[in-house]
Amino acid sequence: MAVVQLDAMGLKCPQPILKVMALIPTLTGGEILEVTADCPSFPTDIKAWAEKTGKPLLMCSSDGTGKHTAQIQL
């Protein structure tokens, strides 16, 4: 299973989610999209987006320095 990386560091809401939405059509089913972002609202935004689109959010974590990592199953 391939893991595709998306670096959304330095982008502010809603840009990280817009980048995810733009990348999704280029990926194939079964891949995992791993997104890193430092936008404070990213964890809430990605959870809401995953629920709305029905994409499984495998994990969303923060490292304590403001960096968030999320994995989405496609």
PDB file of N, CA and C in Angstrom:
ATOM      1  N   MET A   1       0.838  -1.165   0.000  1.00  0.00           N
ATOM      2  CA  MET A   1       0.000   0.000   0.000  1.00  0.00           C
ATOM      3  C   MET A   1       0.891   1.239   0.000  1.00  0.00           C
ATOM      4  N   ALA A   2       0.733   2.076  -0.977  1.00  0.00           N
ATOM      5  CA  ALA A   2       1.580   3.258  -1.122  1.00  0.00           C
ATOM      6  C   ALA A   2       1.117   4.380  -0.198  1.00  0.00           C
ATOM      7  N   VAL A   3       2.082   5.097   0.343  1.00  0.00           N
ATOM      8  CA  VAL A   3       1.806   6.277   1.152  1.00  0.00           C
ATOM      9  C   VAL A   3       2.276   7.492   0.364  1.00  0.00           C
ATOM     10  N   VAL A   4       1.355   8.405   0.107  1.00  0.00           N
ATOM     11  CA  VAL A   4       1.655   9.626  -0.630  1.00  0.00           C
ATOM     12  C   VAL A   4       1.748  10.759   0.384  1.00  0.00           C
ATOM     13  N   GLN A   5       2.830  11.521   0.321  1.00  0.00           N
ATOM     14  CA  GLN A   5       3.078  12.614   1.256  1.00  0.00           C
ATOM     15  C   GLN A   5       2.586  13.940   0.679  1.00  0.00           C
ATOM     16  N   LEU A   6       1.946  14.742   1.530  1.00  0.00           N
ATOM     17  CA  LEU A   6       1.548  16.100   1.160  1.00  0.00           C
ATOM     18  C   LEU A   6       2.034  17.036   2.253  1.00  0.00           C
ATOM     19  N   ASP A   7       2.922  17.946   1.895  1.00  0.00           N
ATOM     20  CA  ASP A   7       3.463  18.928   2.843  1.00  0.00           C
ATOM     21  C   ASP A   7       2.638  20.205   2.732  1.00  0.00           C
ATOM     22  N   ALA A   8       1.856  20.485   3.773  1.00  0.00           N
ATOM     23  CA  ALA A   8       1.053  21.703   3.808  1.00  0.00           C
ATOM     24  C   ALA A   8       1.563  22.654   4.894  1.00  0.00           C
ATOM     25  N   MET A   9       2.819  22.486   5.253  1.00  0.00           N
ATOM     26  CA  MET A   9       3.424  23.353   6.265  1.00  0.00           C
ATOM     27  C   MET A   9       3.468  24.790   5.748  1.00  0.00           C
ATOM     28  N   GLY A  10       3.149  25.726   6.639  1.00  0.00           N
ATOM     29  CA  GLY A  10       3.175  27.144   6.276  1.00  0.00           C
ATOM     30  C   GLY A  10       1.885  27.642   5.656  1.00  0.00           C
ATOM     31  N   LEU A  11       0.963  26.739   5.354  1.00  0.00           N
ATOM     32  CA  LEU A  11      -0.310  27.139   4.764  1.00  0.00           C
ATOM     33  C   LEU A  11      -1.348  27.325   5.858  1.00  0.00           C
ATOM     34  N   LYS A  12      -2.196  28.295   5.706  1.00  0.00           N
ATOM     35  CA  LYS A  12      -3.236  28.573   6.684  1.00  0.00           C
ATOM     36  C   LYS A  12      -4.605  28.224   6.114  1.00  0.00           C
ATOM     37  N   CYS A  13      -5.540  27.975   6.992  1.00  0.00           N
ATOM     38  CA  CYS A  13      -6.901  27.595   6.646  1.00  0.00           C
ATOM     39  C   CYS A  13      -7.465  28.569   5.604  1.00  0.00           C
ATOM     40  N   PRO A  14      -8.049  28.045   4.552  1.00  0.00           N
ATOM     41  CA  PRO A  14      -8.421  26.665   4.242  1.00  0.00           C
ATOM     42  C   PRO A  14      -7.445  25.967   3.293  1.00  0.00           C
ATOM     43  N   GLN A  15      -6.266  26.532   3.093  1.00  0.00           N
ATOM     44  CA  GLN A  15      -5.347  26.010   2.092  1.00  0.00           C
ATOM     45  C   GLN A  15      -4.947  24.546   2.278  1.00  0.00           C
ATOM     46  N   PRO A  16      -4.661  24.053   3.498  1.00  0.00           N
ATOM     47  CA  PRO A  16      -4.304  22.628   3.607  1.00  0.00           C
ATOM     48  C   PRO A  16      -5.406  21.698   3.095  1.00  0.00           C
ATOM     49  N   ILE A  17      -6.658  21.996   3.416  1.00  0.00           N
ATOM     50  CA  ILE A  17      -7.767  21.160   2.947  1.00  0.00           C
ATOM     51  C   ILE A  17      -7.942  21.307   1.441  1.00  0.00           C
ATOM     52  N   LEU A  18      -7.753  22.494   0.916  1.00  0.00           N
ATOM     53  CA  LEU A  18      -7.847  22.689  -0.535  1.00  0.00           C
ATOM     54  C   LEU A  18      -6.769  21.890  -1.260  1.00  0.00           C
ATOM     55  N   LYS A  19      -5.576  21.821  -0.685  1.00  0.00           N
ATOM     56  CA  LYS A  19      -4.495  21.015  -1.278  1.00  0.00           C
ATOM     57  C   LYS A  19      -4.865  19.529  -1.253  1.00  0.00           C
ATOM     58  N   VAL A  20      -5.461  19.070  -0.155  1.00  0.00           N
ATOM     59  CA  VAL A  20      -5.915  17.676  -0.065  1.00  0.00           C
ATOM     60  C   VAL A  20      -6.953  17.411  -1.153  1.00  0.00           C
ATOM     61  N   MET A  21      -7.924  18.299  -1.279  1.00  0.00           N
ATOM     62  CA  MET A  21      -8.996  18.121  -2.267  1.00  0.00           C
ATOM     63  C   MET A  21      -8.446  18.095  -3.695  1.00  0.00           C
ATOM     64  N   ALA A  22      -7.420  18.888  -3.968  1.00  0.00           N
ATOM     65  CA  ALA A  22      -6.830  18.931  -5.308  1.00  0.00           C
ATOM     66  C   ALA A  22      -6.034  17.668  -5.610  1.00  0.00           C
ATOM     67  N   LEU A  23      -5.416  17.066  -4.594  1.00  0.00           N
ATOM     68  CA  LEU A  23      -4.570  15.890  -4.794  1.00  0.00           C
ATOM     69  C   LEU A  23      -5.374  14.594  -4.886  1.00  0.00           C
ATOM     70  N   ILE A  24      -6.484  14.505  -4.174  1.00  0.00           N
ATOM     71  CA  ILE A  24      -7.280  13.273  -4.104  1.00  0.00           C
ATOM     72  C   ILE A  24      -7.603  12.681  -5.485  1.00  0.00           C
ATOM     73  N   PRO A  25      -8.049  13.467  -6.467  1.00  0.00           N
ATOM     74  CA  PRO A  25      -8.397  12.869  -7.769  1.00  0.00           C
ATOM     75  C   PRO A  25      -7.215  12.233  -8.506  1.00  0.00           C
ATOM     76  N   THR A  26      -5.996  12.573  -8.132  1.00  0.00           N
ATOM     77  CA  THR A  26      -4.819  12.023  -8.817  1.00  0.00           C
ATOM     78  C   THR A  26      -4.358  10.705  -8.200  1.00  0.00           C
ATOM     79  N   LEU A  27      -4.960  10.319  -7.076  1.00  0.00           N
ATOM     80  CA  LEU A  27      -4.546   9.117  -6.357  1.00  0.00           C
ATOM     81  C   LEU A  27      -5.487   7.955  -6.681  1.00  0.00           C
ATOM     82  N   THR A  28      -5.016   6.750  -6.385  1.00  0.00           N
ATOM     83  CA  THR A  28      -5.831   5.571  -6.650  1.00  0.00           C
ATOM     84  C   THR A  28      -6.320   4.967  -5.334  1.00  0.00           C
ATOM     85  N   GLY A  29      -7.399   4.214  -5.428  1.00  0.00           N
ATOM     86  CA  GLY A  29      -7.959   3.564  -4.258  1.00  0.00           C
ATOM     87  C   GLY A  29      -6.944   2.678  -3.567  1.00  0.00           C
ATOM     88  N   GLY A  30      -6.978   2.678  -2.249  1.00  0.00           N
ATOM     89  CA  GLY A  30      -6.054   1.863  -1.477  1.00  0.00           C
ATOM     90  C   GLY A  30      -4.831   2.620  -1.003  1.00  0.00           C
ATOM     91  N   GLU A  31      -4.523   3.739  -1.652  1.00  0.00           N
ATOM     92  CA  GLU A  31      -3.371   4.528  -1.210  1.00  0.00           C
ATOM     93  C   GLU A  31      -3.706   5.269   0.085  1.00  0.00           C
ATOM     94  N   ILE A  32      -2.673   5.651   0.799  1.00  0.00           N
ATOM     95  CA  ILE A  32      -2.825   6.446   2.005  1.00  0.00           C
ATOM     96  C   ILE A  32      -2.202   7.805   1.741  1.00  0.00           C
ATOM     97  N   LEU A  33      -2.955   8.851   2.034  1.00  0.00           N
ATOM     98  CA  LEU A  33      -2.443  10.213   1.917  1.00  0.00           C
ATOM     99  C   LEU A  33      -2.032  10.666   3.315  1.00  0.00           C
ATOM    100  N   GLU A  34      -0.754  11.016   3.461  1.00  0.00           N
ATOM    101  CA  GLU A  34      -0.252  11.530   4.738  1.00  0.00           C
ATOM    102  C   GLU A  34       0.026  13.012   4.577  1.00  0.00           C
ATOM    103  N   VAL A  35      -0.659  13.808   5.382  1.00  0.00           N
ATOM    104  CA  VAL A  35      -0.570  15.267   5.292  1.00  0.00           C
ATOM    105  C   VAL A  35       0.097  15.803   6.547  1.00  0.00           C
ATOM    106  N   THR A  36       1.070  16.693   6.362  1.00  0.00           N
ATOM    107  CA  THR A  36       1.651  17.417   7.487  1.00  0.00           C
ATOM    108  C   THR A  36       1.293  18.888   7.326  1.00  0.00           C
ATOM    109  N   ALA A  37       0.878  19.492   8.430  1.00  0.00           N
ATOM    110  CA  ALA A  37       0.462  20.892   8.402  1.00  0.00           C
ATOM    111  C   ALA A  37       0.736  21.520   9.757  1.00  0.00           C
ATOM    112  N   ASP A  38       0.885  22.842   9.765  1.00  0.00           N
ATOM    113  CA  ASP A  38       1.068  23.548  11.025  1.00  0.00           C
ATOM    114  C   ASP A  38      -0.031  24.573  11.282  1.00  0.00           C
ATOM    115  N   CYS A  39      -1.084  24.520  10.505  1.00  0.00           N
ATOM    116  CA  CYS A  39      -2.245  25.386  10.712  1.00  0.00           C
ATOM    117  C   CYS A  39      -2.947  24.926  11.995  1.00  0.00           C
ATOM    118  N   PRO A  40      -3.220  25.823  12.929  1.00  0.00           N
ATOM    119  CA  PRO A  40      -3.833  25.426  14.193  1.00  0.00           C
ATOM    120  C   PRO A  40      -5.186  24.716  14.043  1.00  0.00           C
ATOM    121  N   SER A  41      -5.944  25.053  13.010  1.00  0.00           N
ATOM    122  CA  SER A  41      -7.262  24.441  12.839  1.00  0.00           C
ATOM    123  C   SER A  41      -7.218  23.156  12.007  1.00  0.00           C
ATOM    124  N   PHE A  42      -6.050  22.741  11.555  1.00  0.00           N
ATOM    125  CA  PHE A  42      -5.962  21.574  10.674  1.00  0.00           C
ATOM    126  C   PHE A  42      -6.575  20.306  11.268  1.00  0.00           C
ATOM    127  N   PRO A  43      -6.296  19.937  12.517  1.00  0.00           N
ATOM    128  CA  PRO A  43      -6.904  18.697  13.036  1.00  0.00           C
ATOM    129  C   PRO A  43      -8.433  18.712  12.970  1.00  0.00           C
ATOM    130  N   THR A  44      -9.037  19.815  13.361  1.00  0.00           N
ATOM    131  CA  THR A  44     -10.501  19.928  13.297  1.00  0.00           C
ATOM    132  C   THR A  44     -10.980  19.910  11.860  1.00  0.00           C
ATOM    133  N   ASP A  45     -10.290  20.633  10.988  1.00  0.00           N
ATOM    134  CA  ASP A  45     -10.686  20.727   9.584  1.00  0.00           C
ATOM    135  C   ASP A  45     -10.598  19.384   8.877  1.00  0.00           C
ATOM    136  N   ILE A  46      -9.512  18.633   9.096  1.00  0.00           N
ATOM    137  CA  ILE A  46      -9.337  17.368   8.380  1.00  0.00           C
ATOM    138  C   ILE A  46     -10.333  16.331   8.883  1.00  0.00           C
ATOM    139  N   LYS A  47     -10.637  16.349  10.186  1.00  0.00           N
ATOM    140  CA  LYS A  47     -11.646  15.432  10.725  1.00  0.00           C
ATOM    141  C   LYS A  47     -13.014  15.725  10.118  1.00  0.00           C
ATOM    142  N   ALA A  48     -13.381  16.997  10.040  1.00  0.00           N
ATOM    143  CA  ALA A  48     -14.668  17.382   9.451  1.00  0.00           C
ATOM    144  C   ALA A  48     -14.717  17.019   7.972  1.00  0.00           C
ATOM    145  N   TRP A  49     -13.622  17.251   7.245  1.00  0.00           N
ATOM    146  CA  TRP A  49     -13.574  16.925   5.825  1.00  0.00           C
ATOM    147  C   TRP A  49     -13.725  15.416   5.612  1.00  0.00           C
ATOM    148  N   ALA A  50     -13.030  14.619   6.424  1.00  0.00           N
ATOM    149  CA  ALA A  50     -13.100  13.163   6.293  1.00  0.00           C
ATOM    150  C   ALA A  50     -14.519  12.664   6.553  1.00  0.00           C
ATOM    151  N   GLU A  51     -15.165  13.194   7.568  1.00  0.00           N
ATOM    152  CA  GLU A  51     -16.546  12.804   7.864  1.00  0.00           C
ATOM    153  C   GLU A  51     -17.473  13.182   6.717  1.00  0.00           C
ATOM    154  N   LYS A  52     -17.298  14.377   6.182  1.00  0.00           N
ATOM    155  CA  LYS A  52     -18.163  14.871   5.102  1.00  0.00           C
ATOM    156  C   LYS A  52     -17.995  14.058   3.820  1.00  0.00           C
ATOM    157  N   THR A  53     -16.766  13.638   3.516  1.00  0.00           N
ATOM    158  CA  THR A  53     -16.495  12.933   2.260  1.00  0.00           C
ATOM    159  C   THR A  53     -16.557  11.415   2.397  1.00  0.00           C
ATOM    160  N   GLY A  54     -16.605  10.929   3.636  1.00  0.00           N
ATOM    161  CA  GLY A  54     -16.636   9.483   3.850  1.00  0.00           C
ATOM    162  C   GLY A  54     -15.281   8.810   3.697  1.00  0.00           C
ATOM    163  N   LYS A  55     -14.218   9.573   3.669  1.00  0.00           N
ATOM    164  CA  LYS A  55     -12.862   9.012   3.595  1.00  0.00           C
ATOM    165  C   LYS A  55     -12.405   8.654   5.006  1.00  0.00           C
ATOM    166  N   PRO A  56     -11.908   7.443   5.221  1.00  0.00           N
ATOM    167  CA  PRO A  56     -11.451   7.063   6.561  1.00  0.00           C
ATOM    168  C   PRO A  56     -10.207   7.854   6.990  1.00  0.00           C
ATOM    169  N   LEU A  57     -10.322   8.501   8.127  1.00  0.00           N
ATOM    170  CA  LEU A  57      -9.193   9.188   8.732  1.00  0.00           C
ATOM    171  C   LEU A  57      -8.519   8.176   9.648  1.00  0.00           C
ATOM    172  N   LEU A  58      -7.355   7.694   9.237  1.00  0.00           N
ATOM    173  CA  LEU A  58      -6.657   6.657   9.980  1.00  0.00           C
ATOM    174  C   LEU A  58      -6.034   7.182  11.257  1.00  0.00           C
ATOM    175  N   MET A  59      -5.516   8.391  11.194  1.00  0.00           N
ATOM    176  CA  MET A  59      -4.906   9.000  12.372  1.00  0.00           C
ATOM    177  C   MET A  59      -4.739  10.486  12.159  1.00  0.00           C
ATOM    178  N   CYS A  60      -4.734  11.204  13.261  1.00  0.00           N
ATOM    179  CA  CYS A  60      -4.429  12.631  13.250  1.00  0.00           C
ATOM    180  C   CYS A  60      -3.753  12.922  14.588  1.00  0.00           C
ATOM    181  N   SER A  61      -2.513  13.373  14.528  1.00  0.00           N
ATOM    182  CA  SER A  61      -1.771  13.611  15.754  1.00  0.00           C
ATOM    183  C   SER A  61      -0.984  14.912  15.668  1.00  0.00           C
ATOM    184  N   SER A  62      -0.613  15.416  16.829  1.00  0.00           N
ATOM    185  CA  SER A  62       0.200  16.624  16.926  1.00  0.00           C
ATOM    186  C   SER A  62       1.465  16.277  17.695  1.00  0.00           C
ATOM    187  N   ASP A  63       2.558  16.933  17.343  1.00  0.00           N
ATOM    188  CA  ASP A  63       3.820  16.605  17.991  1.00  0.00           C
ATOM    189  C   ASP A  63       4.179  17.549  19.140  1.00  0.00           C
ATOM    190  N   GLY A  64       3.282  18.468  19.465  1.00  0.00           N
ATOM    191  CA  GLY A  64       3.545  19.388  20.567  1.00  0.00           C
ATOM    192  C   GLY A  64       4.251  20.662  20.165  1.00  0.00           C
ATOM    193  N   THR A  65       4.725  20.722  18.928  1.00  0.00           N
ATOM    194  CA  THR A  65       5.403  21.927  18.442  1.00  0.00           C
ATOM    195  C   THR A  65       4.550  22.688  17.436  1.00  0.00           C
ATOM    196  N   GLY A  66       3.309  22.239  17.241  1.00  0.00           N
ATOM    197  CA  GLY A  66       2.421  22.874  16.277  1.00  0.00           C
ATOM    198  C   GLY A  66       2.342  22.136  14.958  1.00  0.00           C
ATOM    199  N   LYS A  67       3.096  21.051  14.818  1.00  0.00           N
ATOM    200  CA  LYS A  67       3.052  20.258  13.591  1.00  0.00           C
ATOM    201  C   LYS A  67       2.031  19.139  13.766  1.00  0.00           C
ATOM    202  N   HIS A  68       1.135  19.021  12.793  1.00  0.00           N
ATOM    203  CA  HIS A  68       0.091  17.993  12.817  1.00  0.00           C
ATOM    204  C   HIS A  68       0.307  17.041  11.647  1.00  0.00           C
ATOM    205  N   THR A  69       0.018  15.785  11.864  1.00  0.00           N
ATOM    206  CA  THR A  69       0.115  14.772  10.833  1.00  0.00           C
ATOM    207  C   THR A  69      -1.194  13.998  10.788  1.00  0.00           C
ATOM    208  N   ALA A  70      -1.731  13.826   9.586  1.00  0.00           N
ATOM    209  CA  ALA A  70      -2.966  13.071   9.407  1.00  0.00           C
ATOM    210  C   ALA A  70      -2.761  12.062   8.278  1.00  0.00           C
ATOM    211  N   GLN A  71      -3.397  10.903   8.407  1.00  0.00           N
ATOM    212  CA  GLN A  71      -3.392   9.906   7.351  1.00  0.00           C
ATOM    213  C   GLN A  71      -4.824   9.600   6.945  1.00  0.00           C
ATOM    214  N   ILE A  72      -5.062   9.629   5.639  1.00  0.00           N
ATOM    215  CA  ILE A  72      -6.381   9.400   5.079  1.00  0.00           C
ATOM    216  C   ILE A  72      -6.290   8.194   4.143  1.00  0.00           C
ATOM    217  N   GLN A  73      -7.190   7.240   4.315  1.00  0.00           N
ATOM    218  CA  GLN A  73      -7.257   6.066   3.444  1.00  0.00           C
ATOM    219  C   GLN A  73      -8.108   6.411   2.233  1.00  0.00           C
ATOM    220  N   LEU A  74      -7.607   6.080   1.059  1.00  0.00           N
ATOM    221  CA  LEU A  74      -8.368   6.360  -0.161  1.00  0.00           C
ATOM    222  C   LEU A  74      -8.955   5.080  -0.715  1.00  0.00           C
TER     223      LEU A  74
END
